[in-house]
Amino acid sequence: MAINPEDEAREIIDSLLEKAGWHVCDLSDANIHAHRGVVIRNFPLKSGHGFADYIFYVDGKAAGVIEAKKAGTTLTGVEIQSDKYKHGLPDDLPAWRRP
């Protein structure tokens, strides 16, 4: 069975993150204190804000969010999605700094 492009991209991104020393996991098996750097895939935001492709934790606190895009995708319109992340992070999310 052929792998779809989104799953293939996720495998590549996950591999690159792991090679860079990040522990990559799903929310269901996440432990933000298990490693110094933890990345959670498909992280749920507040209602109506969707999901972040990846949220990064350093020393148990959120440090960043990444939205994966196809190579060559322009940044036009991405500001709206970034704003959703800014306002969609859970209020109780331990973070180094709030955007």
PDB file of N, CA and C in Angstrom:
ATOM      1  N   MET A   1       0.846  -1.180   0.000  1.00  0.00           N
ATOM      2  CA  MET A   1       0.000   0.000   0.000  1.00  0.00           C
ATOM      3  C   MET A   1       0.891   1.243   0.000  1.00  0.00           C
ATOM      4  N   ALA A   2       0.579   2.184  -0.845  1.00  0.00           N
ATOM      5  CA  ALA A   2       1.376   3.404  -0.972  1.00  0.00           C
ATOM      6  C   ALA A   2       1.122   4.331   0.218  1.00  0.00           C
ATOM      7  N   ILE A   3       2.176   4.969   0.661  1.00  0.00           N
ATOM      8  CA  ILE A   3       2.068   5.925   1.761  1.00  0.00           C
ATOM      9  C   ILE A   3       1.628   7.277   1.190  1.00  0.00           C
ATOM     10  N   ASN A   4       0.733   7.967   1.902  1.00  0.00           N
ATOM     11  CA  ASN A   4       0.279   9.263   1.389  1.00  0.00           C
ATOM     12  C   ASN A   4       1.355  10.323   1.650  1.00  0.00           C
ATOM     13  N   PRO A   5       1.346  11.408   0.874  1.00  0.00           N
ATOM     14  CA  PRO A   5       2.397  12.427   0.980  1.00  0.00           C
ATOM     15  C   PRO A   5       2.533  13.035   2.379  1.00  0.00           C
ATOM     16  N   GLU A   6       1.411  13.233   3.075  1.00  0.00           N
ATOM     17  CA  GLU A   6       1.477  13.820   4.421  1.00  0.00           C
ATOM     18  C   GLU A   6       2.192  12.887   5.390  1.00  0.00           C
ATOM     19  N   ASP A   7       1.868  11.593   5.337  1.00  0.00           N
ATOM     20  CA  ASP A   7       2.530  10.629   6.212  1.00  0.00           C
ATOM     21  C   ASP A   7       4.015  10.510   5.877  1.00  0.00           C
ATOM     22  N   GLU A   8       4.327  10.557   4.589  1.00  0.00           N
ATOM     23  CA  GLU A   8       5.726  10.489   4.170  1.00  0.00           C
ATOM     24  C   GLU A   8       6.502  11.706   4.693  1.00  0.00           C
ATOM     25  N   ALA A   9       5.905  12.878   4.588  1.00  0.00           N
ATOM     26  CA  ALA A   9       6.553  14.096   5.088  1.00  0.00           C
ATOM     27  C   ALA A   9       6.752  14.016   6.594  1.00  0.00           C
ATOM     28  N   ARG A  10       5.744  13.522   7.306  1.00  0.00           N
ATOM     29  CA  ARG A  10       5.846  13.395   8.765  1.00  0.00           C
ATOM     30  C   ARG A  10       6.991  12.456   9.137  1.00  0.00           C
ATOM     31  N   GLU A  11       7.138  11.352   8.414  1.00  0.00           N
ATOM     32  CA  GLU A  11       8.235  10.420   8.691  1.00  0.00           C
ATOM     33  C   GLU A  11       9.590  11.097   8.493  1.00  0.00           C
ATOM     34  N   ILE A  12       9.711  11.895   7.450  1.00  0.00           N
ATOM     35  CA  ILE A  12      10.969  12.607   7.179  1.00  0.00           C
ATOM     36  C   ILE A  12      11.246  13.624   8.283  1.00  0.00           C
ATOM     37  N   ILE A  13      10.232  14.409   8.631  1.00  0.00           N
ATOM     38  CA  ILE A  13      10.397  15.424   9.678  1.00  0.00           C
ATOM     39  C   ILE A  13      10.741  14.764  11.006  1.00  0.00           C
ATOM     40  N   ASP A  14      10.008  13.707  11.363  1.00  0.00           N
ATOM     41  CA  ASP A  14      10.283  12.996  12.615  1.00  0.00           C
ATOM     42  C   ASP A  14      11.725  12.503  12.647  1.00  0.00           C
ATOM     43  N   SER A  15      12.177  11.930  11.551  1.00  0.00           N
ATOM     44  CA  SER A  15      13.544  11.411  11.473  1.00  0.00           C
ATOM     45  C   SER A  15      14.570  12.529  11.656  1.00  0.00           C
ATOM     46  N   LEU A  16      14.343  13.658  11.003  1.00  0.00           N
ATOM     47  CA  LEU A  16      15.266  14.792  11.139  1.00  0.00           C
ATOM     48  C   LEU A  16      15.294  15.318  12.575  1.00  0.00           C
ATOM     49  N   LEU A  17      14.129  15.406  13.201  1.00  0.00           N
ATOM     50  CA  LEU A  17      14.073  15.869  14.588  1.00  0.00           C
ATOM     51  C   LEU A  17      14.805  14.903  15.520  1.00  0.00           C
ATOM     52  N   GLU A  18      14.592  13.604  15.321  1.00  0.00           N
ATOM     53  CA  GLU A  18      15.262  12.604  16.151  1.00  0.00           C
ATOM     54  C   GLU A  18      16.776  12.656  15.958  1.00  0.00           C
ATOM     55  N   LYS A  19      17.229  12.822  14.725  1.00  0.00           N
ATOM     56  CA  LYS A  19      18.667  12.937  14.462  1.00  0.00           C
ATOM     57  C   LYS A  19      19.256  14.178  15.126  1.00  0.00           C
ATOM     58  N   ALA A  20      18.427  15.204  15.307  1.00  0.00           N
ATOM     59  CA  ALA A  20      18.875  16.434  15.964  1.00  0.00           C
ATOM     60  C   ALA A  20      18.802  16.326  17.487  1.00  0.00           C
ATOM     61  N   GLY A  21      18.375  15.169  17.995  1.00  0.00           N
ATOM     62  CA  GLY A  21      18.368  14.937  19.430  1.00  0.00           C
ATOM     63  C   GLY A  21      17.039  15.104  20.136  1.00  0.00           C
ATOM     64  N   TRP A  22      15.968  15.350  19.395  1.00  0.00           N
ATOM     65  CA  TRP A  22      14.652  15.501  19.999  1.00  0.00           C
ATOM     66  C   TRP A  22      13.995  14.140  20.182  1.00  0.00           C
ATOM     67  N   HIS A  23      13.218  14.003  21.250  1.00  0.00           N
ATOM     68  CA  HIS A  23      12.380  12.817  21.455  1.00  0.00           C
ATOM     69  C   HIS A  23      11.009  13.152  20.868  1.00  0.00           C
ATOM     70  N   VAL A  24      10.616  12.455  19.796  1.00  0.00           N
ATOM     71  CA  VAL A  24       9.362  12.732  19.088  1.00  0.00           C
ATOM     72  C   VAL A  24       8.317  11.699  19.497  1.00  0.00           C
ATOM     73  N   CYS A  25       7.105  12.165  19.845  1.00  0.00           N
ATOM     74  CA  CYS A  25       6.066  11.240  20.288  1.00  0.00           C
ATOM     75  C   CYS A  25       4.680  11.802  19.984  1.00  0.00           C
ATOM     76  N   ASP A  26       3.690  10.961  20.177  1.00  0.00           N
ATOM     77  CA  ASP A  26       2.291  11.369  20.078  1.00  0.00           C
ATOM     78  C   ASP A  26       1.833  11.818  21.461  1.00  0.00           C
ATOM     79  N   LEU A  27       0.758  12.574  21.525  1.00  0.00           N
ATOM     80  CA  LEU A  27       0.239  13.054  22.801  1.00  0.00           C
ATOM     81  C   LEU A  27      -0.099  11.895  23.734  1.00  0.00           C
ATOM     82  N   SER A  28      -0.607  10.798  23.173  1.00  0.00           N
ATOM     83  CA  SER A  28      -1.037   9.663  23.993  1.00  0.00           C
ATOM     84  C   SER A  28       0.103   9.026  24.783  1.00  0.00           C
ATOM     85  N   ASP A  29       1.345   9.150  24.301  1.00  0.00           N
ATOM     86  CA  ASP A  29       2.466   8.568  25.050  1.00  0.00           C
ATOM     87  C   ASP A  29       3.516   9.623  25.415  1.00  0.00           C
ATOM     88  N   ALA A  30       3.081  10.875  25.505  1.00  0.00           N
ATOM     89  CA  ALA A  30       4.007  11.964  25.797  1.00  0.00           C
ATOM     90  C   ALA A  30       4.319  12.066  27.286  1.00  0.00           C
ATOM     91  N   ASN A  31       5.580  12.322  27.565  1.00  0.00           N
ATOM     92  CA  ASN A  31       6.041  12.660  28.904  1.00  0.00           C
ATOM     93  C   ASN A  31       7.034  13.795  28.709  1.00  0.00           C
ATOM     94  N   ILE A  32       6.602  15.024  28.960  1.00  0.00           N
ATOM     95  CA  ILE A  32       7.439  16.186  28.663  1.00  0.00           C
ATOM     96  C   ILE A  32       8.664  16.282  29.569  1.00  0.00           C
ATOM     97  N   HIS A  33       8.737  15.425  30.579  1.00  0.00           N
ATOM     98  CA  HIS A  33       9.891  15.431  31.478  1.00  0.00           C
ATOM     99  C   HIS A  33      10.822  14.247  31.231  1.00  0.00           C
ATOM    100  N   ALA A  34      10.500  13.391  30.280  1.00  0.00           N
ATOM    101  CA  ALA A  34      11.296  12.186  30.032  1.00  0.00           C
ATOM    102  C   ALA A  34      12.643  12.497  29.382  1.00  0.00           C
ATOM    103  N   HIS A  35      12.708  13.585  28.649  1.00  0.00           N
ATOM    104  CA  HIS A  35      13.925  13.988  27.938  1.00  0.00           C
ATOM    105  C   HIS A  35      14.046  15.503  28.035  1.00  0.00           C
ATOM    106  N   ARG A  36      15.226  16.007  27.800  1.00  0.00           N
ATOM    107  CA  ARG A  36      15.404  17.469  27.826  1.00  0.00           C
ATOM    108  C   ARG A  36      14.603  18.133  26.712  1.00  0.00           C
ATOM    109  N   GLY A  37      14.594  17.525  25.519  1.00  0.00           N
ATOM    110  CA  GLY A  37      13.845  18.057  24.389  1.00  0.00           C
ATOM    111  C   GLY A  37      12.808  17.061  23.908  1.00  0.00           C
ATOM    112  N   VAL A  38      11.544  17.427  24.002  1.00  0.00           N
ATOM    113  CA  VAL A  38      10.439  16.552  23.603  1.00  0.00           C
ATOM    114  C   VAL A  38       9.590  17.286  22.563  1.00  0.00           C
ATOM    115  N   VAL A  39       9.219  16.572  21.506  1.00  0.00           N
ATOM    116  CA  VAL A  39       8.340  17.117  20.472  1.00  0.00           C
ATOM    117  C   VAL A  39       7.082  16.258  20.429  1.00  0.00           C
ATOM    118  N   ILE A  40       5.925  16.901  20.528  1.00  0.00           N
ATOM    119  CA  ILE A  40       4.652  16.182  20.452  1.00  0.00           C
ATOM    120  C   ILE A  40       4.007  16.499  19.111  1.00  0.00           C
ATOM    121  N   ARG A  41       3.675  15.429  18.380  1.00  0.00           N
ATOM    122  CA  ARG A  41       3.017  15.555  17.072  1.00  0.00           C
ATOM    123  C   ARG A  41       1.525  15.814  17.245  1.00  0.00           C
ATOM    124  N   ASN A  42       0.952  16.549  16.304  1.00  0.00           N
ATOM    125  CA  ASN A  42      -0.503  16.730  16.216  1.00  0.00           C
ATOM    126  C   ASN A  42      -1.106  17.150  17.559  1.00  0.00           C
ATOM    127  N   PHE A  43      -0.585  18.236  18.095  1.00  0.00           N
ATOM    128  CA  PHE A  43      -0.957  18.717  19.423  1.00  0.00           C
ATOM    129  C   PHE A  43      -2.278  19.488  19.366  1.00  0.00           C
ATOM    130  N   PRO A  44      -3.276  19.088  20.187  1.00  0.00           N
ATOM    131  CA  PRO A  44      -4.576  19.770  20.158  1.00  0.00           C
ATOM    132  C   PRO A  44      -4.515  21.148  20.815  1.00  0.00           C
ATOM    133  N   LEU A  45      -5.078  22.122  20.125  1.00  0.00           N
ATOM    134  CA  LEU A  45      -5.170  23.476  20.654  1.00  0.00           C
ATOM    135  C   LEU A  45      -6.561  23.676  21.249  1.00  0.00           C
ATOM    136  N   LYS A  46      -6.836  24.872  21.736  1.00  0.00           N
ATOM    137  CA  LYS A  46      -8.170  25.171  22.267  1.00  0.00           C
ATOM    138  C   LYS A  46      -9.222  24.919  21.195  1.00  0.00           C
ATOM    139  N   SER A  47     -10.441  24.720  21.637  1.00  0.00           N
ATOM    140  CA  SER A  47     -11.559  24.474  20.727  1.00  0.00           C
ATOM    141  C   SER A  47     -11.630  25.554  19.649  1.00  0.00           C
ATOM    142  N   GLY A  48     -11.768  25.109  18.402  1.00  0.00           N
ATOM    143  CA  GLY A  48     -11.872  26.029  17.283  1.00  0.00           C
ATOM    144  C   GLY A  48     -10.542  26.452  16.685  1.00  0.00           C
ATOM    145  N   HIS A  49      -9.441  26.005  17.282  1.00  0.00           N
ATOM    146  CA  HIS A  49      -8.113  26.387  16.808  1.00  0.00           C
ATOM    147  C   HIS A  49      -7.376  25.241  16.120  1.00  0.00           C
ATOM    148  N   GLY A  50      -7.947  24.059  16.142  1.00  0.00           N
ATOM    149  CA  GLY A  50      -7.345  22.932  15.437  1.00  0.00           C
ATOM    150  C   GLY A  50      -6.185  22.292  16.171  1.00  0.00           C
ATOM    151  N   PHE A  51      -5.192  21.883  15.400  1.00  0.00           N
ATOM    152  CA  PHE A  51      -4.036  21.167  15.929  1.00  0.00           C
ATOM    153  C   PHE A  51      -2.755  21.808  15.412  1.00  0.00           C
ATOM    154  N   ALA A  52      -1.721  21.783  16.236  1.00  0.00           N
ATOM    155  CA  ALA A  52      -0.387  22.191  15.792  1.00  0.00           C
ATOM    156  C   ALA A  52       0.327  20.927  15.324  1.00  0.00           C
ATOM    157  N   ASP A  53       1.013  21.001  14.195  1.00  0.00           N
ATOM    158  CA  ASP A  53       1.725  19.819  13.705  1.00  0.00           C
ATOM    159  C   ASP A  53       2.738  19.324  14.732  1.00  0.00           C
ATOM    160  N   TYR A  54       3.488  20.231  15.304  1.00  0.00           N
ATOM    161  CA  TYR A  54       4.503  19.871  16.303  1.00  0.00           C
ATOM    162  C   TYR A  54       4.584  20.961  17.361  1.00  0.00           C
ATOM    163  N   ILE A  55       4.648  20.556  18.639  1.00  0.00           N
ATOM    164  CA  ILE A  55       4.938  21.496  19.716  1.00  0.00           C
ATOM    165  C   ILE A  55       6.201  21.000  20.412  1.00  0.00           C
ATOM    166  N   PHE A  56       7.111  21.914  20.667  1.00  0.00           N
ATOM    167  CA  PHE A  56       8.420  21.591  21.232  1.00  0.00           C
ATOM    168  C   PHE A  56       8.470  21.953  22.710  1.00  0.00           C
ATOM    169  N   TYR A  57       8.980  21.033  23.514  1.00  0.00           N
ATOM    170  CA  TYR A  57       9.197  21.273  24.937  1.00  0.00           C
ATOM    171  C   TYR A  57      10.685  21.172  25.230  1.00  0.00           C
ATOM    172  N   VAL A  58      11.178  22.105  26.035  1.00  0.00           N
ATOM    173  CA  VAL A  58      12.550  22.061  26.527  1.00  0.00           C
ATOM    174  C   VAL A  58      12.470  22.117  28.045  1.00  0.00           C
ATOM    175  N   ASP A  59      13.053  21.124  28.688  1.00  0.00           N
ATOM    176  CA  ASP A  59      13.028  21.040  30.153  1.00  0.00           C
ATOM    177  C   ASP A  59      11.610  21.164  30.710  1.00  0.00           C
ATOM    178  N   GLY A  60      10.651  20.512  30.051  1.00  0.00           N
ATOM    179  CA  GLY A  60       9.281  20.446  30.550  1.00  0.00           C
ATOM    180  C   GLY A  60       8.403  21.650  30.264  1.00  0.00           C
ATOM    181  N   LYS A  61       8.918  22.617  29.503  1.00  0.00           N
ATOM    182  CA  LYS A  61       8.114  23.800  29.180  1.00  0.00           C
ATOM    183  C   LYS A  61       8.061  23.991  27.671  1.00  0.00           C
ATOM    184  N   ALA A  62       6.892  24.420  27.182  1.00  0.00           N
ATOM    185  CA  ALA A  62       6.731  24.655  25.745  1.00  0.00           C
ATOM    186  C   ALA A  62       7.689  25.751  25.294  1.00  0.00           C
ATOM    187  N   ALA A  63       8.342  25.495  24.150  1.00  0.00           N
ATOM    188  CA  ALA A  63       9.326  26.446  23.633  1.00  0.00           C
ATOM    189  C   ALA A  63       9.023  26.881  22.202  1.00  0.00           C
ATOM    190  N   GLY A  64       8.134  26.167  21.510  1.00  0.00           N
ATOM    191  CA  GLY A  64       7.839  26.549  20.137  1.00  0.00           C
ATOM    192  C   GLY A  64       6.838  25.626  19.478  1.00  0.00           C
ATOM    193  N   VAL A  65       6.295  26.104  18.372  1.00  0.00           N
ATOM    194  CA  VAL A  65       5.319  25.351  17.584  1.00  0.00           C
ATOM    195  C   VAL A  65       5.764  25.394  16.132  1.00  0.00           C
ATOM    196  N   ILE A  66       5.638  24.265  15.452  1.00  0.00           N
ATOM    197  CA  ILE A  66       5.965  24.216  14.025  1.00  0.00           C
ATOM    198  C   ILE A  66       4.765  23.698  13.250  1.00  0.00           C
ATOM    199  N   GLU A  67       4.464  24.389  12.172  1.00  0.00           N
ATOM    200  CA  GLU A  67       3.463  23.941  11.203  1.00  0.00           C
ATOM    201  C   GLU A  67       4.230  23.469   9.984  1.00  0.00           C
ATOM    202  N   ALA A  68       4.136  22.200   9.681  1.00  0.00           N
ATOM    203  CA  ALA A  68       4.844  21.638   8.528  1.00  0.00           C
ATOM    204  C   ALA A  68       4.104  21.998   7.246  1.00  0.00           C
ATOM    205  N   LYS A  69       4.846  22.445   6.274  1.00  0.00           N
ATOM    206  CA  LYS A  69       4.291  22.797   4.964  1.00  0.00           C
ATOM    207  C   LYS A  69       5.110  22.114   3.879  1.00  0.00           C
ATOM    208  N   LYS A  70       4.472  21.890   2.766  1.00  0.00           N
ATOM    209  CA  LYS A  70       5.141  21.308   1.609  1.00  0.00           C
ATOM    210  C   LYS A  70       6.258  22.245   1.153  1.00  0.00           C
ATOM    211  N   ALA A  71       7.371  21.674   0.721  1.00  0.00           N
ATOM    212  CA  ALA A  71       8.480  22.480   0.209  1.00  0.00           C
ATOM    213  C   ALA A  71       7.974  23.395  -0.894  1.00  0.00           C
ATOM    214  N   GLY A  72       8.376  24.650  -0.838  1.00  0.00           N
ATOM    215  CA  GLY A  72       7.969  25.614  -1.850  1.00  0.00           C
ATOM    216  C   GLY A  72       6.710  26.385  -1.506  1.00  0.00           C
ATOM    217  N   THR A  73       6.046  26.026  -0.413  1.00  0.00           N
ATOM    218  CA  THR A  73       4.837  26.741  -0.002  1.00  0.00           C
ATOM    219  C   THR A  73       5.208  28.157   0.419  1.00  0.00           C
ATOM    220  N   THR A  74       4.483  29.138  -0.081  1.00  0.00           N
ATOM    221  CA  THR A  74       4.760  30.526   0.306  1.00  0.00           C
ATOM    222  C   THR A  74       4.175  30.800   1.683  1.00  0.00           C
ATOM    223  N   LEU A  75       4.658  31.843   2.317  1.00  0.00           N
ATOM    224  CA  LEU A  75       4.185  32.181   3.654  1.00  0.00           C
ATOM    225  C   LEU A  75       2.928  33.039   3.643  1.00  0.00           C
ATOM    226  N   THR A  76       2.446  33.398   2.459  1.00  0.00           N
ATOM    227  CA  THR A  76       1.219  34.174   2.356  1.00  0.00           C
ATOM    228  C   THR A  76       0.070  33.378   2.977  1.00  0.00           C
ATOM    229  N   GLY A  77      -0.611  33.983   3.909  1.00  0.00           N
ATOM    230  CA  GLY A  77      -1.732  33.322   4.566  1.00  0.00           C
ATOM    231  C   GLY A  77      -1.349  32.548   5.810  1.00  0.00           C
ATOM    232  N   VAL A  78      -0.071  32.299   5.999  1.00  0.00           N
ATOM    233  CA  VAL A  78       0.371  31.535   7.161  1.00  0.00           C
ATOM    234  C   VAL A  78       0.231  32.359   8.442  1.00  0.00           C
ATOM    235  N   GLU A  79       0.204  33.695   8.301  1.00  0.00           N
ATOM    236  CA  GLU A  79       0.056  34.543   9.486  1.00  0.00           C
ATOM    237  C   GLU A  79      -1.241  34.223  10.228  1.00  0.00           C
ATOM    238  N   ILE A  80      -2.292  33.932   9.479  1.00  0.00           N
ATOM    239  CA  ILE A  80      -3.584  33.598  10.091  1.00  0.00           C
ATOM    240  C   ILE A  80      -3.450  32.320  10.904  1.00  0.00           C
ATOM    241  N   GLN A  81      -2.778  31.334  10.342  1.00  0.00           N
ATOM    242  CA  GLN A  81      -2.576  30.077  11.048  1.00  0.00           C
ATOM    243  C   GLN A  81      -1.685  30.293  12.275  1.00  0.00           C
ATOM    244  N   SER A  82      -0.665  31.118  12.153  1.00  0.00           N
ATOM    245  CA  SER A  82       0.214  31.421  13.283  1.00  0.00           C
ATOM    246  C   SER A  82      -0.567  32.097  14.402  1.00  0.00           C
ATOM    247  N   ASP A  83      -1.486  32.971  14.042  1.00  0.00           N
ATOM    248  CA  ASP A  83      -2.309  33.650  15.035  1.00  0.00           C
ATOM    249  C   ASP A  83      -3.202  32.651  15.768  1.00  0.00           C
ATOM    250  N   LYS A  84      -3.690  31.646  15.044  1.00  0.00           N
ATOM    251  CA  LYS A  84      -4.493  30.594  15.687  1.00  0.00           C
ATOM    252  C   LYS A  84      -3.663  29.878  16.744  1.00  0.00           C
ATOM    253  N   TYR A  85      -2.400  29.637  16.437  1.00  0.00           N
ATOM    254  CA  TYR A  85      -1.521  28.987  17.413  1.00  0.00           C
ATOM    255  C   TYR A  85      -1.308  29.898  18.616  1.00  0.00           C
ATOM    256  N   LYS A  86      -1.061  31.152  18.353  1.00  0.00           N
ATOM    257  CA  LYS A  86      -0.803  32.117  19.426  1.00  0.00           C
ATOM    258  C   LYS A  86      -1.968  32.160  20.411  1.00  0.00           C
ATOM    259  N   HIS A  87      -3.187  32.193  19.895  1.00  0.00           N
ATOM    260  CA  HIS A  87      -4.363  32.300  20.752  1.00  0.00           C
ATOM    261  C   HIS A  87      -4.955  30.940  21.124  1.00  0.00           C
ATOM    262  N   GLY A  88      -4.488  29.880  20.488  1.00  0.00           N
ATOM    263  CA  GLY A  88      -5.060  28.566  20.723  1.00  0.00           C
ATOM    264  C   GLY A  88      -4.307  27.696  21.707  1.00  0.00           C
ATOM    265  N   LEU A  89      -3.152  28.165  22.171  1.00  0.00           N
ATOM    266  CA  LEU A  89      -2.410  27.366  23.145  1.00  0.00           C
ATOM    267  C   LEU A  89      -3.217  27.257  24.430  1.00  0.00           C
ATOM    268  N   PRO A  90      -3.283  26.073  25.026  1.00  0.00           N
ATOM    269  CA  PRO A  90      -4.031  25.914  26.272  1.00  0.00           C
ATOM    270  C   PRO A  90      -3.503  26.864  27.354  1.00  0.00           C
ATOM    271  N   ASP A  91      -4.403  27.428  28.149  1.00  0.00           N
ATOM    272  CA  ASP A  91      -4.017  28.385  29.190  1.00  0.00           C
ATOM    273  C   ASP A  91      -3.084  27.775  30.232  1.00  0.00           C
ATOM    274  N   ASP A  92      -3.234  26.474  30.479  1.00  0.00           N
ATOM    275  CA  ASP A  92      -2.423  25.826  31.510  1.00  0.00           C
ATOM    276  C   ASP A  92      -1.141  25.196  30.956  1.00  0.00           C
ATOM    277  N   LEU A  93      -0.793  25.512  29.723  1.00  0.00           N
ATOM    278  CA  LEU A  93       0.399  24.963  29.089  1.00  0.00           C
ATOM    279  C   LEU A  93       1.647  25.540  29.755  1.00  0.00           C
ATOM    280  N   PRO A  94       2.504  24.677  30.340  1.00  0.00           N
ATOM    281  CA  PRO A  94       3.740  25.212  30.909  1.00  0.00           C
ATOM    282  C   PRO A  94       4.629  25.716  29.773  1.00  0.00           C
ATOM    283  N   ALA A  95       5.020  26.970  29.838  1.00  0.00           N
ATOM    284  CA  ALA A  95       5.784  27.560  28.737  1.00  0.00           C
ATOM    285  C   ALA A  95       6.877  28.471  29.279  1.00  0.00           C
ATOM    286  N   TRP A  96       7.932  28.602  28.501  1.00  0.00           N
ATOM    287  CA  TRP A  96       9.014  29.517  28.864  1.00  0.00           C
ATOM    288  C   TRP A  96       8.540  30.954  28.763  1.00  0.00           C
ATOM    289  N   ARG A  97       7.725  31.201  27.772  1.00  0.00           N
ATOM    290  CA  ARG A  97       7.201  32.553  27.559  1.00  0.00           C
ATOM    291  C   ARG A  97       5.934  32.437  26.725  1.00  0.00           C
ATOM    292  N   ARG A  98       4.940  33.242  27.036  1.00  0.00           N
ATOM    293  CA  ARG A  98       3.703  33.249  26.256  1.00  0.00           C
ATOM    294  C   ARG A  98       3.861  34.218  25.094  1.00  0.00           C
ATOM    295  N   PRO A  99       3.371  33.834  23.893  1.00  0.00           N
ATOM    296  CA  PRO A  99       3.488  34.741  22.742  1.00  0.00           C
ATOM    297  C   PRO A  99       2.632  35.985  22.914  1.00  0.00           C
TER     298      PRO A  99
END
